[in-house]
Amino acid sequence: MANSRPQDGFARISLHGVLTRYYDNGRDADPVFLIHGGHCGFFVPLGIESWGPVLEDFDRDYRVIAYDKPGMGESDLPTTDESWTMEAVADHAVALIEALDLRNIVLMGHSRGGLAAFLVIFRIPDRISKLVIISSASAAPPLPTGTDMDFYDNVEKSAPSNPEGVVRHYHAAQAVTEGDLPTSYVQLAAGWLRSDNQRAAVSGYARNAAAHWLPSLVRAKADVQAKLRTTGIPVPLLLVWGLNDRSAPIALGHALFDMLGEHTREASMLVINRAGHQVFRDQRQRFTSGVLAFIRD
């Protein structure tokens, strides 16, 4: 696996043929491994920087590793149509963990990344010490009506036409107290939106959603929930949710925690008031202090 390691902590590595951008602060400490949300071909491309202040806040005491999932941020697209699956997303994360030989990992997944994180821990439980799942409707029991994508479909339909406006519109639709985004992030994400990589991802999603991606979400959720109902999670788990999340309502968080509580002995839930889907942006201090307390316990 060819890789490079520049001084700023960002590097690229080839994982199963997918050239992947990742961040590694290289600290001699236990690793915190982050899996961001969204999916390849989503109308707003997400990547490492979508974690916002999380990298900075955890950087002080831990070895922080974050990466762009296939077809997102600055990582290459999946190599085949058959690789447009949630299982392949988990395979990709496992490949990076094994390439960096990470152990005693605090694994953290947000939204779609939460479902991927569940799949990862079931595949390599010996490498994971703690699990943090954030606002993951993808892993939760379904809503009584509709799907978790209905919210995003409406956001996409009402978005302005210019890339910077799309980025701000997407985040504002989820935010509660966050305020406007840093200009540097808006420009970066808008650049991704204009990129050939994003155009190819949108085209690939249109081609593969019905045949590969959406069926894989159903399979992955069923697999994860079956394990939660029978064996649970073998390490301490923290579920974090924003009380005011409009895209993944708090009822989904409670339903997921009820399922987790059946067989996961060390499970806790942190609900943060005046916080939306990106709870780590809306309530940075409360999120960071709560998760750090869980990690250090």
C-alpha atoms as a PDB file:
ATOM      1  CA  MET A   1       0.000   0.000   0.000  1.00  0.00           C
ATOM      2  CA  ALA A   2       1.724   3.139  -1.219  1.00  0.00           C
ATOM      3  CA  ASN A   3       1.493   6.114   1.113  1.00  0.00           C
ATOM      4  CA  SER A   4       3.015   9.514   1.808  1.00  0.00           C
ATOM      5  CA  ARG A   5       3.290  11.523   5.025  1.00  0.00           C
ATOM      6  CA  PRO A   6       3.624  15.315   4.731  1.00  0.00           C
ATOM      7  CA  GLN A   7       4.466  17.485   7.712  1.00  0.00           C
ATOM      8  CA  ASP A   8       0.950  18.915   8.194  1.00  0.00           C
ATOM      9  CA  GLY A   9      -0.499  15.563   9.242  1.00  0.00           C
ATOM     10  CA  PHE A  10      -2.360  14.953   5.981  1.00  0.00           C
ATOM     11  CA  ALA A  11      -1.323  12.004   3.846  1.00  0.00           C
ATOM     12  CA  ARG A  12      -2.594   9.730   1.091  1.00  0.00           C
ATOM     13  CA  ILE A  13      -2.654   5.969   1.021  1.00  0.00           C
ATOM     14  CA  SER A  14      -3.969   3.427  -1.477  1.00  0.00           C
ATOM     15  CA  LEU A  15      -6.494   1.073   0.136  1.00  0.00           C
ATOM     16  CA  HIS A  16      -7.844  -1.674  -2.131  1.00  0.00           C
ATOM     17  CA  GLY A  17      -7.082   0.579  -5.102  1.00  0.00           C
ATOM     18  CA  VAL A  18      -8.786   3.676  -3.631  1.00  0.00           C
ATOM     19  CA  LEU A  19      -6.345   6.551  -3.121  1.00  0.00           C
ATOM     20  CA  THR A  20      -7.454   7.894   0.238  1.00  0.00           C
ATOM     21  CA  ARG A  21      -6.704  11.168   1.988  1.00  0.00           C
ATOM     22  CA  TYR A  22      -6.312  10.895   5.746  1.00  0.00           C
ATOM     23  CA  TYR A  23      -5.172  12.943   8.720  1.00  0.00           C
ATOM     24  CA  ASP A  24      -2.900  11.571  11.434  1.00  0.00           C
ATOM     25  CA  ASN A  25      -1.353  13.844  14.037  1.00  0.00           C
ATOM     26  CA  GLY A  26       1.190  11.104  14.818  1.00  0.00           C
ATOM     27  CA  ARG A  27       0.985  11.623  18.576  1.00  0.00           C
ATOM     28  CA  ASP A  28       2.346   8.838  20.787  1.00  0.00           C
ATOM     29  CA  ALA A  29      -1.002   8.202  22.471  1.00  0.00           C
ATOM     30  CA  ASP A  30      -4.115   6.059  22.197  1.00  0.00           C
ATOM     31  CA  PRO A  31      -5.817   6.615  18.826  1.00  0.00           C
ATOM     32  CA  VAL A  32      -9.188   8.259  18.239  1.00  0.00           C
ATOM     33  CA  PHE A  33     -10.401   7.126  14.812  1.00  0.00           C
ATOM     34  CA  LEU A  34     -13.140   9.209  13.167  1.00  0.00           C
ATOM     35  CA  ILE A  35     -15.627   8.116  10.482  1.00  0.00           C
ATOM     36  CA  HIS A  36     -17.555  11.085   9.094  1.00  0.00           C
ATOM     37  CA  GLY A  37     -21.146  11.087   7.836  1.00  0.00           C
ATOM     38  CA  GLY A  38     -22.722  11.284   4.406  1.00  0.00           C
ATOM     39  CA  HIS A  39     -22.257   8.940   1.482  1.00  0.00           C
ATOM     40  CA  CYS A  40     -20.556   8.949  -1.894  1.00  0.00           C
ATOM     41  CA  GLY A  41     -22.699  10.970  -4.313  1.00  0.00           C
ATOM     42  CA  PHE A  42     -24.471  12.949  -1.566  1.00  0.00           C
ATOM     43  CA  PHE A  43     -25.416  16.402  -2.848  1.00  0.00           C
ATOM     44  CA  VAL A  44     -23.011  18.049  -0.380  1.00  0.00           C
ATOM     45  CA  PRO A  45     -19.572  16.407  -0.264  1.00  0.00           C
ATOM     46  CA  LEU A  46     -18.247  15.836   3.249  1.00  0.00           C
ATOM     47  CA  GLY A  47     -14.787  14.886   4.424  1.00  0.00           C
ATOM     48  CA  ILE A  48     -12.254  15.212   7.220  1.00  0.00           C
ATOM     49  CA  GLU A  49     -12.956  18.914   7.740  1.00  0.00           C
ATOM     50  CA  SER A  50     -16.672  18.290   8.337  1.00  0.00           C
ATOM     51  CA  TRP A  51     -15.658  17.262  11.876  1.00  0.00           C
ATOM     52  CA  GLY A  52     -14.987  20.938  12.544  1.00  0.00           C
ATOM     53  CA  PRO A  53     -13.557  21.494  16.034  1.00  0.00           C
ATOM     54  CA  VAL A  54     -13.356  17.796  16.943  1.00  0.00           C
ATOM     55  CA  LEU A  55      -9.894  17.310  15.460  1.00  0.00           C
ATOM     56  CA  GLU A  56      -8.523  20.285  17.378  1.00  0.00           C
ATOM     57  CA  ASP A  57     -10.184  19.384  20.678  1.00  0.00           C
ATOM     58  CA  PHE A  58      -9.015  15.759  20.716  1.00  0.00           C
ATOM     59  CA  ASP A  59      -5.641  16.520  19.143  1.00  0.00           C
ATOM     60  CA  ARG A  60      -4.165  17.677  22.433  1.00  0.00           C
ATOM     61  CA  ASP A  61      -4.200  14.313  24.198  1.00  0.00           C
ATOM     62  CA  TYR A  62      -4.772  11.588  21.603  1.00  0.00           C
ATOM     63  CA  ARG A  63      -3.514  10.322  18.302  1.00  0.00           C
ATOM     64  CA  VAL A  64      -6.322  11.569  16.048  1.00  0.00           C
ATOM     65  CA  ILE A  65      -6.938   9.819  12.729  1.00  0.00           C
ATOM     66  CA  ALA A  66      -9.638  10.980  10.329  1.00  0.00           C
ATOM     67  CA  TYR A  67     -10.091  10.236   6.654  1.00  0.00           C
ATOM     68  CA  ASP A  68     -12.231  10.912   3.595  1.00  0.00           C
ATOM     69  CA  LYS A  69     -14.495   7.973   2.819  1.00  0.00           C
ATOM     70  CA  PRO A  70     -14.396   6.662  -0.791  1.00  0.00           C
ATOM     71  CA  GLY A  71     -15.686   9.231  -3.258  1.00  0.00           C
ATOM     72  CA  MET A  72     -15.888  11.947  -0.593  1.00  0.00           C
ATOM     73  CA  GLY A  73     -13.646  14.860   0.272  1.00  0.00           C
ATOM     74  CA  GLU A  74     -10.481  14.172  -1.691  1.00  0.00           C
ATOM     75  CA  SER A  75     -10.551  10.367  -1.787  1.00  0.00           C
ATOM     76  CA  ASP A  76     -11.026   8.448  -5.026  1.00  0.00           C
ATOM     77  CA  LEU A  77     -14.340   6.836  -5.894  1.00  0.00           C
ATOM     78  CA  PRO A  78     -15.023   3.122  -5.339  1.00  0.00           C
ATOM     79  CA  THR A  79     -13.222   1.107  -7.983  1.00  0.00           C
ATOM     80  CA  THR A  80     -16.281  -0.868  -9.161  1.00  0.00           C
ATOM     81  CA  ASP A  81     -20.056  -0.468  -9.162  1.00  0.00           C
ATOM     82  CA  GLU A  82     -20.276  -3.476  -6.845  1.00  0.00           C
ATOM     83  CA  SER A  83     -18.189  -1.540  -4.299  1.00  0.00           C
ATOM     84  CA  TRP A  84     -20.931   1.056  -3.780  1.00  0.00           C
ATOM     85  CA  THR A  85     -22.016  -0.598  -0.531  1.00  0.00           C
ATOM     86  CA  MET A  86     -21.936   0.084   3.181  1.00  0.00           C
ATOM     87  CA  GLU A  87     -19.960  -3.138   3.623  1.00  0.00           C
ATOM     88  CA  ALA A  88     -17.267  -1.704   1.329  1.00  0.00           C
ATOM     89  CA  VAL A  89     -17.226   1.510   3.389  1.00  0.00           C
ATOM     90  CA  ALA A  90     -16.518  -0.589   6.488  1.00  0.00           C
ATOM     91  CA  ASP A  91     -13.887  -2.634   4.608  1.00  0.00           C
ATOM     92  CA  HIS A  92     -12.171   0.629   3.657  1.00  0.00           C
ATOM     93  CA  ALA A  93     -12.065   1.821   7.286  1.00  0.00           C
ATOM     94  CA  VAL A  94     -10.717  -1.537   8.462  1.00  0.00           C
ATOM     95  CA  ALA A  95      -8.037  -1.425   5.754  1.00  0.00           C
ATOM     96  CA  LEU A  96      -6.815   1.970   7.012  1.00  0.00           C
ATOM     97  CA  ILE A  97      -6.820   0.795  10.636  1.00  0.00           C
ATOM     98  CA  GLU A  98      -4.792  -2.277   9.704  1.00  0.00           C
ATOM     99  CA  ALA A  99      -2.426  -0.333   7.431  1.00  0.00           C
ATOM    100  CA  LEU A 100      -1.621   2.027  10.330  1.00  0.00           C
ATOM    101  CA  ASP A 101      -1.612  -0.933  12.765  1.00  0.00           C
ATOM    102  CA  LEU A 102      -3.891   0.899  15.203  1.00  0.00           C
ATOM    103  CA  ARG A 103      -4.883  -0.744  18.472  1.00  0.00           C
ATOM    104  CA  ASN A 104      -6.754   0.294  21.622  1.00  0.00           C
ATOM    105  CA  ILE A 105      -8.838   2.555  19.393  1.00  0.00           C
ATOM    106  CA  VAL A 106     -11.601   4.904  20.468  1.00  0.00           C
ATOM    107  CA  LEU A 107     -13.802   4.510  17.381  1.00  0.00           C
ATOM    108  CA  MET A 108     -16.131   7.433  16.658  1.00  0.00           C
ATOM    109  CA  GLY A 109     -18.756   7.498  13.890  1.00  0.00           C
ATOM    110  CA  HIS A 110     -21.170  10.273  12.967  1.00  0.00           C
ATOM    111  CA  SER A 111     -24.483   9.764  11.134  1.00  0.00           C
ATOM    112  CA  ARG A 112     -23.855   7.313   8.241  1.00  0.00           C
ATOM    113  CA  GLY A 113     -20.411   6.882   9.782  1.00  0.00           C
ATOM    114  CA  GLY A 114     -22.070   5.519  12.909  1.00  0.00           C
ATOM    115  CA  LEU A 115     -23.473   2.566  10.993  1.00  0.00           C
ATOM    116  CA  ALA A 116     -20.038   1.978   9.458  1.00  0.00           C
ATOM    117  CA  ALA A 117     -18.477   2.127  12.937  1.00  0.00           C
ATOM    118  CA  PHE A 118     -20.796  -0.635  14.161  1.00  0.00           C
ATOM    119  CA  LEU A 119     -19.751  -2.813  11.228  1.00  0.00           C
ATOM    120  CA  VAL A 120     -16.089  -2.104  11.945  1.00  0.00           C
ATOM    121  CA  ILE A 121     -16.226  -3.115  15.593  1.00  0.00           C
ATOM    122  CA  PHE A 122     -17.963  -6.375  14.750  1.00  0.00           C
ATOM    123  CA  ARG A 123     -15.142  -7.156  12.293  1.00  0.00           C
ATOM    124  CA  ILE A 124     -12.128  -6.179  14.408  1.00  0.00           C
ATOM    125  CA  PRO A 125     -13.321  -6.055  18.040  1.00  0.00           C
ATOM    126  CA  ASP A 126      -9.830  -6.813  19.355  1.00  0.00           C
ATOM    127  CA  ARG A 127      -8.565  -3.443  18.069  1.00  0.00           C
ATOM    128  CA  ILE A 128     -11.360  -1.298  19.574  1.00  0.00           C
ATOM    129  CA  SER A 129     -11.403  -0.157  23.216  1.00  0.00           C
ATOM    130  CA  LYS A 130     -14.412   2.201  23.184  1.00  0.00           C
ATOM    131  CA  LEU A 131     -17.144   3.183  20.738  1.00  0.00           C
ATOM    132  CA  VAL A 132     -18.814   6.598  20.299  1.00  0.00           C
ATOM    133  CA  ILE A 133     -21.862   6.772  18.007  1.00  0.00           C
ATOM    134  CA  ILE A 134     -23.174  10.242  17.119  1.00  0.00           C
ATOM    135  CA  SER A 135     -26.613  11.047  15.682  1.00  0.00           C
ATOM    136  CA  SER A 136     -26.838   7.883  13.588  1.00  0.00           C
ATOM    137  CA  ALA A 137     -30.295   7.480  12.110  1.00  0.00           C
ATOM    138  CA  SER A 138     -28.666   4.984   9.749  1.00  0.00           C
ATOM    139  CA  ALA A 139     -28.186   2.545  12.634  1.00  0.00           C
ATOM    140  CA  ALA A 140     -31.442   3.281  14.474  1.00  0.00           C
ATOM    141  CA  PRO A 141     -34.824   1.589  14.076  1.00  0.00           C
ATOM    142  CA  PRO A 142     -36.800   3.281  11.270  1.00  0.00           C
ATOM    143  CA  LEU A 143     -39.117   6.230  11.666  1.00  0.00           C
ATOM    144  CA  PRO A 144     -42.862   5.376  11.818  1.00  0.00           C
ATOM    145  CA  THR A 145     -43.277   7.077   8.423  1.00  0.00           C
ATOM    146  CA  GLY A 146     -40.791   8.145   5.778  1.00  0.00           C
ATOM    147  CA  THR A 147     -37.028   7.705   5.894  1.00  0.00           C
ATOM    148  CA  ASP A 148     -34.064   9.608   7.264  1.00  0.00           C
ATOM    149  CA  MET A 149     -33.346  10.821   3.703  1.00  0.00           C
ATOM    150  CA  ASP A 150     -36.634  12.740   3.398  1.00  0.00           C
ATOM    151  CA  PHE A 151     -35.119  15.646   5.327  1.00  0.00           C
ATOM    152  CA  TYR A 152     -32.112  15.828   3.001  1.00  0.00           C
ATOM    153  CA  ASP A 153     -34.234  15.549  -0.119  1.00  0.00           C
ATOM    154  CA  ASN A 154     -36.139  18.644   0.985  1.00  0.00           C
ATOM    155  CA  VAL A 155     -32.916  20.492   1.845  1.00  0.00           C
ATOM    156  CA  GLU A 156     -31.476  19.683  -1.574  1.00  0.00           C
ATOM    157  CA  LYS A 157     -34.607  20.870  -3.377  1.00  0.00           C
ATOM    158  CA  SER A 158     -34.557  24.212  -1.566  1.00  0.00           C
ATOM    159  CA  ALA A 159     -30.808  24.834  -1.925  1.00  0.00           C
ATOM    160  CA  PRO A 160     -29.471  27.803  -3.905  1.00  0.00           C
ATOM    161  CA  SER A 161     -27.585  27.208  -7.124  1.00  0.00           C
ATOM    162  CA  ASN A 162     -24.101  28.468  -6.219  1.00  0.00           C
ATOM    163  CA  PRO A 163     -21.726  26.004  -4.446  1.00  0.00           C
ATOM    164  CA  GLU A 164     -20.970  28.270  -1.470  1.00  0.00           C
ATOM    165  CA  GLY A 165     -24.700  28.788  -0.960  1.00  0.00           C
ATOM    166  CA  VAL A 166     -25.345  25.050  -1.103  1.00  0.00           C
ATOM    167  CA  VAL A 167     -22.756  24.382   1.615  1.00  0.00           C
ATOM    168  CA  ARG A 168     -24.129  27.097   3.899  1.00  0.00           C
ATOM    169  CA  HIS A 169     -27.734  26.037   3.227  1.00  0.00           C
ATOM    170  CA  TYR A 170     -27.028  22.393   4.093  1.00  0.00           C
ATOM    171  CA  HIS A 171     -25.346  23.217   7.404  1.00  0.00           C
ATOM    172  CA  ALA A 172     -27.856  25.921   8.350  1.00  0.00           C
ATOM    173  CA  ALA A 173     -30.723  23.448   7.846  1.00  0.00           C
ATOM    174  CA  GLN A 174     -29.224  21.256  10.574  1.00  0.00           C
ATOM    175  CA  ALA A 175     -27.791  23.882  12.905  1.00  0.00           C
ATOM    176  CA  VAL A 176     -29.408  25.145  16.107  1.00  0.00           C
ATOM    177  CA  THR A 177     -26.825  27.439  17.710  1.00  0.00           C
ATOM    178  CA  GLU A 178     -23.826  27.047  15.411  1.00  0.00           C
ATOM    179  CA  GLY A 179     -24.061  30.262  13.417  1.00  0.00           C
ATOM    180  CA  ASP A 180     -22.321  30.733  10.090  1.00  0.00           C
ATOM    181  CA  LEU A 181     -19.512  28.422   9.015  1.00  0.00           C
ATOM    182  CA  PRO A 182     -15.865  29.505   8.801  1.00  0.00           C
ATOM    183  CA  THR A 183     -15.150  30.959   5.370  1.00  0.00           C
ATOM    184  CA  SER A 184     -12.226  28.574   4.936  1.00  0.00           C
ATOM    185  CA  TYR A 185     -14.510  25.553   5.330  1.00  0.00           C
ATOM    186  CA  VAL A 186     -17.174  26.964   2.993  1.00  0.00           C
ATOM    187  CA  GLN A 187     -14.551  27.564   0.307  1.00  0.00           C
ATOM    188  CA  LEU A 188     -13.063  24.099   0.747  1.00  0.00           C
ATOM    189  CA  ALA A 189     -16.418  22.291   0.583  1.00  0.00           C
ATOM    190  CA  ALA A 190     -17.537  24.468  -2.348  1.00  0.00           C
ATOM    191  CA  GLY A 191     -14.363  23.443  -4.148  1.00  0.00           C
ATOM    192  CA  TRP A 192     -15.245  19.792  -3.600  1.00  0.00           C
ATOM    193  CA  LEU A 193     -18.724  20.515  -4.942  1.00  0.00           C
ATOM    194  CA  ARG A 194     -17.256  21.910  -8.157  1.00  0.00           C
ATOM    195  CA  SER A 195     -14.759  19.063  -8.571  1.00  0.00           C
ATOM    196  CA  ASP A 196     -14.709  16.317 -11.183  1.00  0.00           C
ATOM    197  CA  ASN A 197     -14.623  13.847  -8.289  1.00  0.00           C
ATOM    198  CA  GLN A 198     -17.980  15.087  -6.983  1.00  0.00           C
ATOM    199  CA  ARG A 199     -19.565  15.102 -10.437  1.00  0.00           C
ATOM    200  CA  ALA A 200     -18.419  11.507 -10.944  1.00  0.00           C
ATOM    201  CA  ALA A 201     -19.721  10.588  -7.468  1.00  0.00           C
ATOM    202  CA  VAL A 202     -23.181  12.042  -8.174  1.00  0.00           C
ATOM    203  CA  SER A 203     -23.294  10.196 -11.496  1.00  0.00           C
ATOM    204  CA  GLY A 204     -22.147   6.974  -9.860  1.00  0.00           C
ATOM    205  CA  TYR A 205     -24.733   7.280  -7.112  1.00  0.00           C
ATOM    206  CA  ALA A 206     -27.514   7.705  -9.675  1.00  0.00           C
ATOM    207  CA  ARG A 207     -26.259   4.575 -11.404  1.00  0.00           C
ATOM    208  CA  ASN A 208     -25.720   2.445  -8.299  1.00  0.00           C
ATOM    209  CA  ALA A 209     -28.184   3.602  -5.628  1.00  0.00           C
ATOM    210  CA  ALA A 210     -31.000   1.184  -6.442  1.00  0.00           C
ATOM    211  CA  ALA A 211     -28.807  -1.751  -7.441  1.00  0.00           C
ATOM    212  CA  HIS A 212     -26.105  -1.593  -4.771  1.00  0.00           C
ATOM    213  CA  TRP A 213     -26.066   1.262  -2.245  1.00  0.00           C
ATOM    214  CA  LEU A 214     -29.619   1.272  -0.873  1.00  0.00           C
ATOM    215  CA  PRO A 215     -29.874  -2.546  -0.563  1.00  0.00           C
ATOM    216  CA  SER A 216     -26.556  -2.500   1.280  1.00  0.00           C
ATOM    217  CA  LEU A 217     -27.923   0.006   3.805  1.00  0.00           C
ATOM    218  CA  VAL A 218     -30.837  -2.321   4.511  1.00  0.00           C
ATOM    219  CA  ARG A 219     -28.470  -5.289   4.919  1.00  0.00           C
ATOM    220  CA  ALA A 220     -26.044  -3.399   7.131  1.00  0.00           C
ATOM    221  CA  LYS A 221     -28.745  -2.044   9.424  1.00  0.00           C
ATOM    222  CA  ALA A 222     -30.349  -5.498   9.732  1.00  0.00           C
ATOM    223  CA  ASP A 223     -26.973  -7.087  10.481  1.00  0.00           C
ATOM    224  CA  VAL A 224     -26.070  -4.504  13.115  1.00  0.00           C
ATOM    225  CA  GLN A 225     -29.459  -4.586  14.816  1.00  0.00           C
ATOM    226  CA  ALA A 226     -29.479  -8.396  14.903  1.00  0.00           C
ATOM    227  CA  LYS A 227     -26.143  -8.339  16.720  1.00  0.00           C
ATOM    228  CA  LEU A 228     -27.269  -5.602  19.100  1.00  0.00           C
ATOM    229  CA  ARG A 229     -30.325  -7.691  19.996  1.00  0.00           C
ATOM    230  CA  THR A 230     -28.301 -10.855  20.620  1.00  0.00           C
ATOM    231  CA  THR A 231     -24.741 -10.067  21.722  1.00  0.00           C
ATOM    232  CA  GLY A 232     -24.507  -6.293  22.077  1.00  0.00           C
ATOM    233  CA  ILE A 233     -21.264  -4.325  21.896  1.00  0.00           C
ATOM    234  CA  PRO A 234     -18.222  -5.867  23.640  1.00  0.00           C
ATOM    235  CA  VAL A 235     -16.701  -2.517  24.723  1.00  0.00           C
ATOM    236  CA  PRO A 236     -17.997   0.566  26.559  1.00  0.00           C
ATOM    237  CA  LEU A 237     -20.266   2.606  24.286  1.00  0.00           C
ATOM    238  CA  LEU A 238     -21.447   6.203  24.339  1.00  0.00           C
ATOM    239  CA  LEU A 239     -24.377   7.322  22.193  1.00  0.00           C
ATOM    240  CA  VAL A 240     -24.461  11.104  21.617  1.00  0.00           C
ATOM    241  CA  TRP A 241     -27.498  12.914  20.219  1.00  0.00           C
ATOM    242  CA  GLY A 242     -28.651  16.496  19.828  1.00  0.00           C
ATOM    243  CA  LEU A 243     -32.046  17.028  21.408  1.00  0.00           C
ATOM    244  CA  ASN A 244     -33.075  19.333  18.554  1.00  0.00           C
ATOM    245  CA  ASP A 245     -31.819  17.225  15.652  1.00  0.00           C
ATOM    246  CA  ARG A 246     -34.194  17.808  12.742  1.00  0.00           C
ATOM    247  CA  SER A 247     -32.697  15.236  10.369  1.00  0.00           C
ATOM    248  CA  ALA A 248     -32.390  12.437  12.957  1.00  0.00           C
ATOM    249  CA  PRO A 249     -35.067  13.143  15.613  1.00  0.00           C
ATOM    250  CA  ILE A 250     -34.227  12.316  19.211  1.00  0.00           C
ATOM    251  CA  ALA A 251     -36.840   9.539  19.184  1.00  0.00           C
ATOM    252  CA  LEU A 252     -34.483   7.581  16.926  1.00  0.00           C
ATOM    253  CA  GLY A 253     -31.697   7.999  19.462  1.00  0.00           C
ATOM    254  CA  HIS A 254     -33.881   6.716  22.292  1.00  0.00           C
ATOM    255  CA  ALA A 255     -34.979   3.730  20.192  1.00  0.00           C
ATOM    256  CA  LEU A 256     -31.368   2.881  19.334  1.00  0.00           C
ATOM    257  CA  PHE A 257     -30.312   3.176  22.967  1.00  0.00           C
ATOM    258  CA  ASP A 258     -33.167   0.912  24.081  1.00  0.00           C
ATOM    259  CA  MET A 259     -31.868  -1.686  21.639  1.00  0.00           C
ATOM    260  CA  LEU A 260     -28.276  -1.210  22.820  1.00  0.00           C
ATOM    261  CA  GLY A 261     -29.281  -1.517  26.451  1.00  0.00           C
ATOM    262  CA  GLU A 262     -30.522  -5.077  26.040  1.00  0.00           C
ATOM    263  CA  HIS A 263     -27.078  -6.683  25.740  1.00  0.00           C
ATOM    264  CA  THR A 264     -24.427  -3.951  25.954  1.00  0.00           C
ATOM    265  CA  ARG A 265     -23.385  -3.870  29.590  1.00  0.00           C
ATOM    266  CA  GLU A 266     -21.491  -0.564  29.515  1.00  0.00           C
ATOM    267  CA  ALA A 267     -23.731   1.748  27.485  1.00  0.00           C
ATOM    268  CA  SER A 268     -24.475   5.417  28.145  1.00  0.00           C
ATOM    269  CA  MET A 269     -26.402   8.090  26.269  1.00  0.00           C
ATOM    270  CA  LEU A 270     -25.541  11.778  26.215  1.00  0.00           C
ATOM    271  CA  VAL A 271     -28.362  14.037  25.010  1.00  0.00           C
ATOM    272  CA  ILE A 272     -27.284  17.648  24.501  1.00  0.00           C
ATOM    273  CA  ASN A 273     -29.832  20.442  24.543  1.00  0.00           C
ATOM    274  CA  ARG A 274     -29.905  23.138  21.833  1.00  0.00           C
ATOM    275  CA  ALA A 275     -27.951  20.921  19.452  1.00  0.00           C
ATOM    276  CA  GLY A 276     -28.782  19.576  16.024  1.00  0.00           C
ATOM    277  CA  HIS A 277     -27.351  16.838  13.833  1.00  0.00           C
ATOM    278  CA  GLN A 278     -23.791  18.124  13.996  1.00  0.00           C
ATOM    279  CA  VAL A 279     -23.900  18.328  17.745  1.00  0.00           C
ATOM    280  CA  PHE A 280     -20.117  18.808  17.928  1.00  0.00           C
ATOM    281  CA  ARG A 281     -20.515  22.116  16.080  1.00  0.00           C
ATOM    282  CA  ASP A 282     -23.651  23.348  17.848  1.00  0.00           C
ATOM    283  CA  GLN A 283     -22.420  22.572  21.359  1.00  0.00           C
ATOM    284  CA  ARG A 284     -18.677  22.169  21.050  1.00  0.00           C
ATOM    285  CA  GLN A 285     -17.764  22.448  24.738  1.00  0.00           C
ATOM    286  CA  ARG A 286     -20.522  20.134  25.984  1.00  0.00           C
ATOM    287  CA  PHE A 287     -19.776  17.567  23.303  1.00  0.00           C
ATOM    288  CA  THR A 288     -16.034  17.590  23.905  1.00  0.00           C
ATOM    289  CA  SER A 289     -16.241  17.494  27.688  1.00  0.00           C
ATOM    290  CA  GLY A 290     -18.821  14.705  27.646  1.00  0.00           C
ATOM    291  CA  VAL A 291     -16.932  12.501  25.191  1.00  0.00           C
ATOM    292  CA  LEU A 292     -13.557  13.120  26.866  1.00  0.00           C
ATOM    293  CA  ALA A 293     -15.038  12.167  30.240  1.00  0.00           C
ATOM    294  CA  PHE A 294     -16.284   8.919  28.694  1.00  0.00           C
ATOM    295  CA  ILE A 295     -12.910   8.162  27.100  1.00  0.00           C
ATOM    296  CA  ARG A 296     -10.959   8.872  30.281  1.00  0.00           C
ATOM    297  CA  ASP A 297     -13.300   6.947  32.588  1.00  0.00           C
END
